[in-house]
Protein backbone atom coordinates (compact mmCIF):
# COMPACT_ATOMS: atom_id res chain seq x y z
CA MET A 1 -0.13 115.05 -4.12
CA ASN A 2 -0.17 115.32 -0.17
CA ARG A 3 2.71 116.75 2.02
CA ASP A 4 3.97 113.42 3.19
CA THR A 5 4.49 112.08 -0.15
CA LEU A 6 6.20 114.95 -1.48
CA LYS A 7 8.54 114.91 1.51
CA TYR A 8 8.90 111.18 0.88
CA ARG A 9 9.86 111.42 -2.69
CA VAL A 10 12.38 114.36 -1.56
CA PHE A 11 13.93 112.10 0.67
CA ARG A 12 14.25 109.50 -2.31
CA ILE A 13 16.12 111.83 -4.61
CA ILE A 14 18.39 112.79 -1.83
CA LEU A 15 18.98 109.16 -1.04
CA TYR A 16 19.52 108.48 -4.62
CA PHE A 17 23.01 110.93 -4.42
CA GLN A 18 23.78 109.54 -1.25
CA VAL A 19 23.91 105.81 -2.39
CA ASN A 20 26.12 107.39 -5.62
CA PHE A 21 28.16 109.26 -3.35
CA LEU A 22 29.08 106.08 -1.22
CA LEU A 23 30.04 104.38 -4.42
CA LEU A 24 32.52 106.89 -5.31
CA GLN A 25 36.16 106.09 -4.44
CA PRO A 26 37.54 108.14 -1.16
CA GLU A 27 39.82 110.19 -3.44
CA LYS A 28 36.98 111.19 -5.61
CA GLN A 29 34.44 112.06 -2.74
CA ASN A 30 37.16 114.09 -1.31
CA LYS A 31 37.76 115.75 -4.38
CA LEU A 32 33.93 116.79 -4.78
CA PHE A 33 33.80 118.46 -1.32
CA ARG A 34 36.88 119.72 -0.98
CA GLY A 35 37.95 118.12 2.18
CA GLN A 36 34.80 119.47 3.99
CA GLN A 37 32.63 117.18 6.02
CA SER A 38 30.40 115.11 3.50
CA PRO A 39 26.83 115.56 3.80
CA ILE A 40 24.71 113.29 6.65
CA LEU A 41 24.31 109.87 4.70
CA LEU A 42 20.70 108.60 5.12
CA ASP A 43 20.38 105.09 5.90
CA ILE A 44 20.17 103.17 2.53
CA TYR A 45 18.02 100.56 3.83
CA TYR A 46 15.32 102.77 5.41
CA PHE A 47 13.42 103.27 2.31
CA MET A 48 13.96 100.18 0.52
CA ILE A 49 11.31 97.46 0.38
CA SER A 50 12.41 94.66 2.53
CA HIS A 51 13.84 91.59 0.44
CA THR A 52 12.25 89.13 2.98
CA THR A 53 8.73 90.71 2.69
CA ILE A 54 8.66 90.07 -0.95
CA THR A 55 10.16 86.60 -1.04
CA GLU A 56 7.37 85.69 1.73
CA LEU A 57 4.66 87.28 -0.77
CA VAL A 58 5.86 85.05 -3.72
CA LYS A 59 6.27 81.91 -1.94
CA SER A 60 2.68 82.22 -0.41
CA HIS A 61 1.16 82.47 -3.92
CA LEU A 62 3.28 79.59 -5.39
CA GLU A 63 2.33 75.84 -5.80
CA PRO A 64 5.04 73.32 -4.72
CA GLU A 65 6.00 72.69 -8.21
CA PHE A 66 7.05 76.50 -8.84
CA PHE A 67 9.91 78.31 -7.32
CA ILE A 68 11.95 81.52 -6.81
CA VAL A 69 15.11 81.52 -8.83
CA ASP A 70 16.25 85.19 -7.70
CA ILE A 71 14.82 88.28 -6.42
CA THR A 72 16.63 91.59 -6.96
CA ILE A 73 15.79 95.05 -5.11
CA GLN A 74 17.85 98.20 -6.22
CA PRO A 75 18.13 100.82 -3.88
CA THR A 76 15.56 102.92 -6.03
CA ASN A 77 12.93 99.88 -5.18
CA LYS A 78 13.36 98.37 -8.46
CA ILE A 79 12.09 94.98 -7.91
CA HIS A 80 12.77 91.83 -10.33
CA VAL A 81 11.30 88.63 -9.54
CA LEU A 82 12.51 85.82 -11.25
CA LEU A 83 10.72 82.47 -11.46
CA ASP A 84 10.27 79.17 -12.76
CA GLY A 85 9.03 75.69 -12.43
CA ASP A 86 9.82 71.87 -12.40
CA ASN A 87 7.82 72.22 -15.93
CA GLY A 88 8.03 75.42 -16.77
CA ILE A 89 6.12 78.82 -15.84
CA THR A 90 3.15 80.36 -17.74
CA ILE A 91 2.95 83.85 -18.29
CA THR A 92 -0.14 83.91 -16.56
CA LYS A 93 1.60 82.59 -13.33
CA CYS A 94 3.94 85.55 -13.53
CA ILE A 95 1.36 87.89 -13.95
CA GLU A 96 -0.56 86.41 -10.91
CA VAL A 97 2.42 87.03 -8.74
CA SER A 98 2.91 90.37 -10.38
CA ARG A 99 -0.54 91.71 -9.32
CA LEU A 100 -0.19 89.93 -5.77
CA ILE A 101 2.73 92.13 -5.11
CA GLU A 102 1.10 95.18 -6.30
CA ASN A 103 -1.86 94.71 -4.31
CA SER A 104 0.31 93.88 -1.21
CA LEU A 105 2.42 97.17 -1.32
CA ASP A 106 1.34 100.76 -0.94
CA ARG A 107 2.96 103.08 -3.56
CA GLU A 108 2.07 105.94 -1.37
CA GLU A 109 4.17 104.53 1.31
CA GLU A 110 6.99 103.10 -1.13
CA ASP A 111 7.12 103.75 -4.66
CA PHE A 112 8.39 101.15 -6.39
CA SER A 113 8.75 99.65 -10.22
CA LEU A 114 8.23 95.82 -10.54
CA GLU A 115 9.13 92.90 -13.21
CA VAL A 116 8.03 89.22 -12.94
CA SER A 117 9.53 86.85 -15.27
CA SER A 118 10.81 83.72 -16.00
CA PRO A 119 14.63 82.88 -17.04
CA GLY A 120 15.31 83.27 -20.67
CA LEU A 121 17.24 80.80 -22.76
CA GLY A 122 20.77 81.45 -22.23
CA GLN A 123 20.62 82.83 -18.76
CA PRO A 124 22.55 81.12 -16.24
CA LEU A 125 21.14 78.25 -14.12
CA LYS A 126 21.09 78.90 -10.33
CA LEU A 127 19.29 76.31 -8.81
CA ASP A 128 19.80 72.17 -8.42
CA ARG A 129 15.91 72.31 -9.76
CA GLN A 130 16.69 74.44 -12.87
CA TYR A 131 19.34 71.29 -13.62
CA ALA A 132 16.89 68.72 -12.96
CA LYS A 133 13.97 70.23 -14.95
CA ASN A 134 16.69 70.54 -18.06
CA THR A 135 17.75 66.79 -17.94
CA GLY A 136 18.37 65.63 -21.79
CA ARG A 137 19.22 69.14 -22.98
CA LYS A 138 22.37 70.41 -24.09
CA ILE A 139 24.20 72.54 -21.90
CA GLU A 140 27.55 74.76 -21.53
CA VAL A 141 29.54 74.76 -18.27
CA VAL A 142 32.16 76.82 -17.37
CA PHE A 143 34.56 75.77 -14.44
CA ASN A 144 36.10 77.77 -11.93
CA ASP A 145 39.55 77.12 -13.46
CA GLY A 146 38.29 78.66 -16.81
CA GLU A 147 37.66 75.35 -18.71
CA LYS A 148 34.44 74.93 -20.83
CA ILE A 149 32.47 71.89 -22.11
CA VAL A 150 29.70 71.56 -23.97
CA GLY A 151 27.42 68.40 -23.53
CA LYS A 152 24.10 66.99 -22.91
CA LEU A 153 22.84 67.08 -19.10
CA LEU A 154 22.12 63.67 -18.07
CA SER A 155 21.28 64.03 -14.53
CA ALA A 156 21.30 66.37 -11.66
CA THR A 157 21.18 66.11 -7.96
CA GLU A 158 21.62 68.42 -4.82
CA ASP A 159 25.49 68.18 -5.20
CA ASP A 160 26.41 67.50 -8.84
CA ILE A 161 25.48 66.87 -12.36
CA ASP A 162 26.32 64.70 -14.98
CA VAL A 163 27.28 65.64 -18.53
CA GLN A 164 27.86 63.74 -21.52
CA THR A 165 30.70 65.18 -23.54
CA THR A 166 33.29 64.43 -25.89
CA GLU A 167 36.88 64.89 -25.63
CA ARG A 168 40.04 63.50 -27.73
CA GLN A 169 42.24 61.21 -26.52
CA PRO A 170 45.15 59.55 -27.72
CA VAL A 171 45.34 56.28 -30.35
CA VAL A 172 47.15 53.45 -29.13
CA GLY A 173 50.27 52.83 -31.24
CA LYS A 174 49.51 55.84 -33.38
CA LYS A 175 50.44 59.92 -33.28
CA LYS A 176 47.10 61.11 -33.66
CA THR A 177 43.62 61.35 -31.38
CA LYS A 178 40.02 60.56 -31.77
CA LYS A 179 37.12 62.24 -30.27
CA VAL A 180 35.63 59.85 -27.57
CA GLU A 181 32.14 60.19 -25.95
CA ILE A 182 32.63 60.28 -22.26
CA THR A 183 30.25 61.36 -18.97
CA ARG A 184 31.82 63.63 -16.49
CA THR A 185 30.29 64.23 -12.90
CA ILE A 186 30.36 67.88 -11.96
CA MET A 187 30.01 69.16 -8.42
CA PHE A 188 28.21 72.57 -8.37
CA GLU A 189 31.00 74.07 -6.50
CA ASP A 190 33.46 73.77 -9.36
CA ILE A 191 30.95 75.47 -11.53
CA LYS A 192 31.50 79.26 -12.28
CA GLN A 193 28.65 79.36 -14.75
CA SER A 194 26.19 77.29 -16.48
CA LYS A 195 23.49 77.51 -19.29
CA ILE A 196 21.36 75.59 -21.59
CA VAL A 197 22.17 76.14 -25.12
CA PRO A 198 19.74 75.90 -28.12
CA ASP A 199 20.49 72.53 -29.94
CA PHE A 200 19.29 72.60 -33.73
CA SER A 201 20.71 69.28 -34.62
CA GLY A 202 17.53 67.69 -35.02
CA VAL A 203 15.92 70.24 -36.69
């Protein structure tokens, strides 16, 4: 390990403690340093790999049927790339993208860890293209006001989705209710979280 690499890793260790220091509440910071001036805070983003860099790298290697769901980069340069496709995405494709990123970054300059994967069953849906590819499947939708419904995802646009579900409605002239099948149009702005759920009814 050369001197520059050693100095870089020492700076990264210092950065780790500085980031955690910044996450402390002010009163805890004062308690730790007994009212003295805190250490010089390094620029948190100076050593971080650019989110834009990773995004452009991935986009350059994706055909139109594939898309980025999410990219997260932690202060320790732990990179997680989440990919999907209109007809799904293979492990082979994820490996190709992972190798592309690995070969485009220099660990001597920027040490990092990397994970490239596809969304697992039960993970929240984030993009309209994810909804579109899952039409016909069972979906759980949690609204901003806390209401939750489960039904069949019928269609998806850039603004909303149609979900076929059931609700209990009063029976005319009787003191009871019955389940009625309805279709609800739900705006994305009203959704707090949604996910595809396993449906074993046809098994």
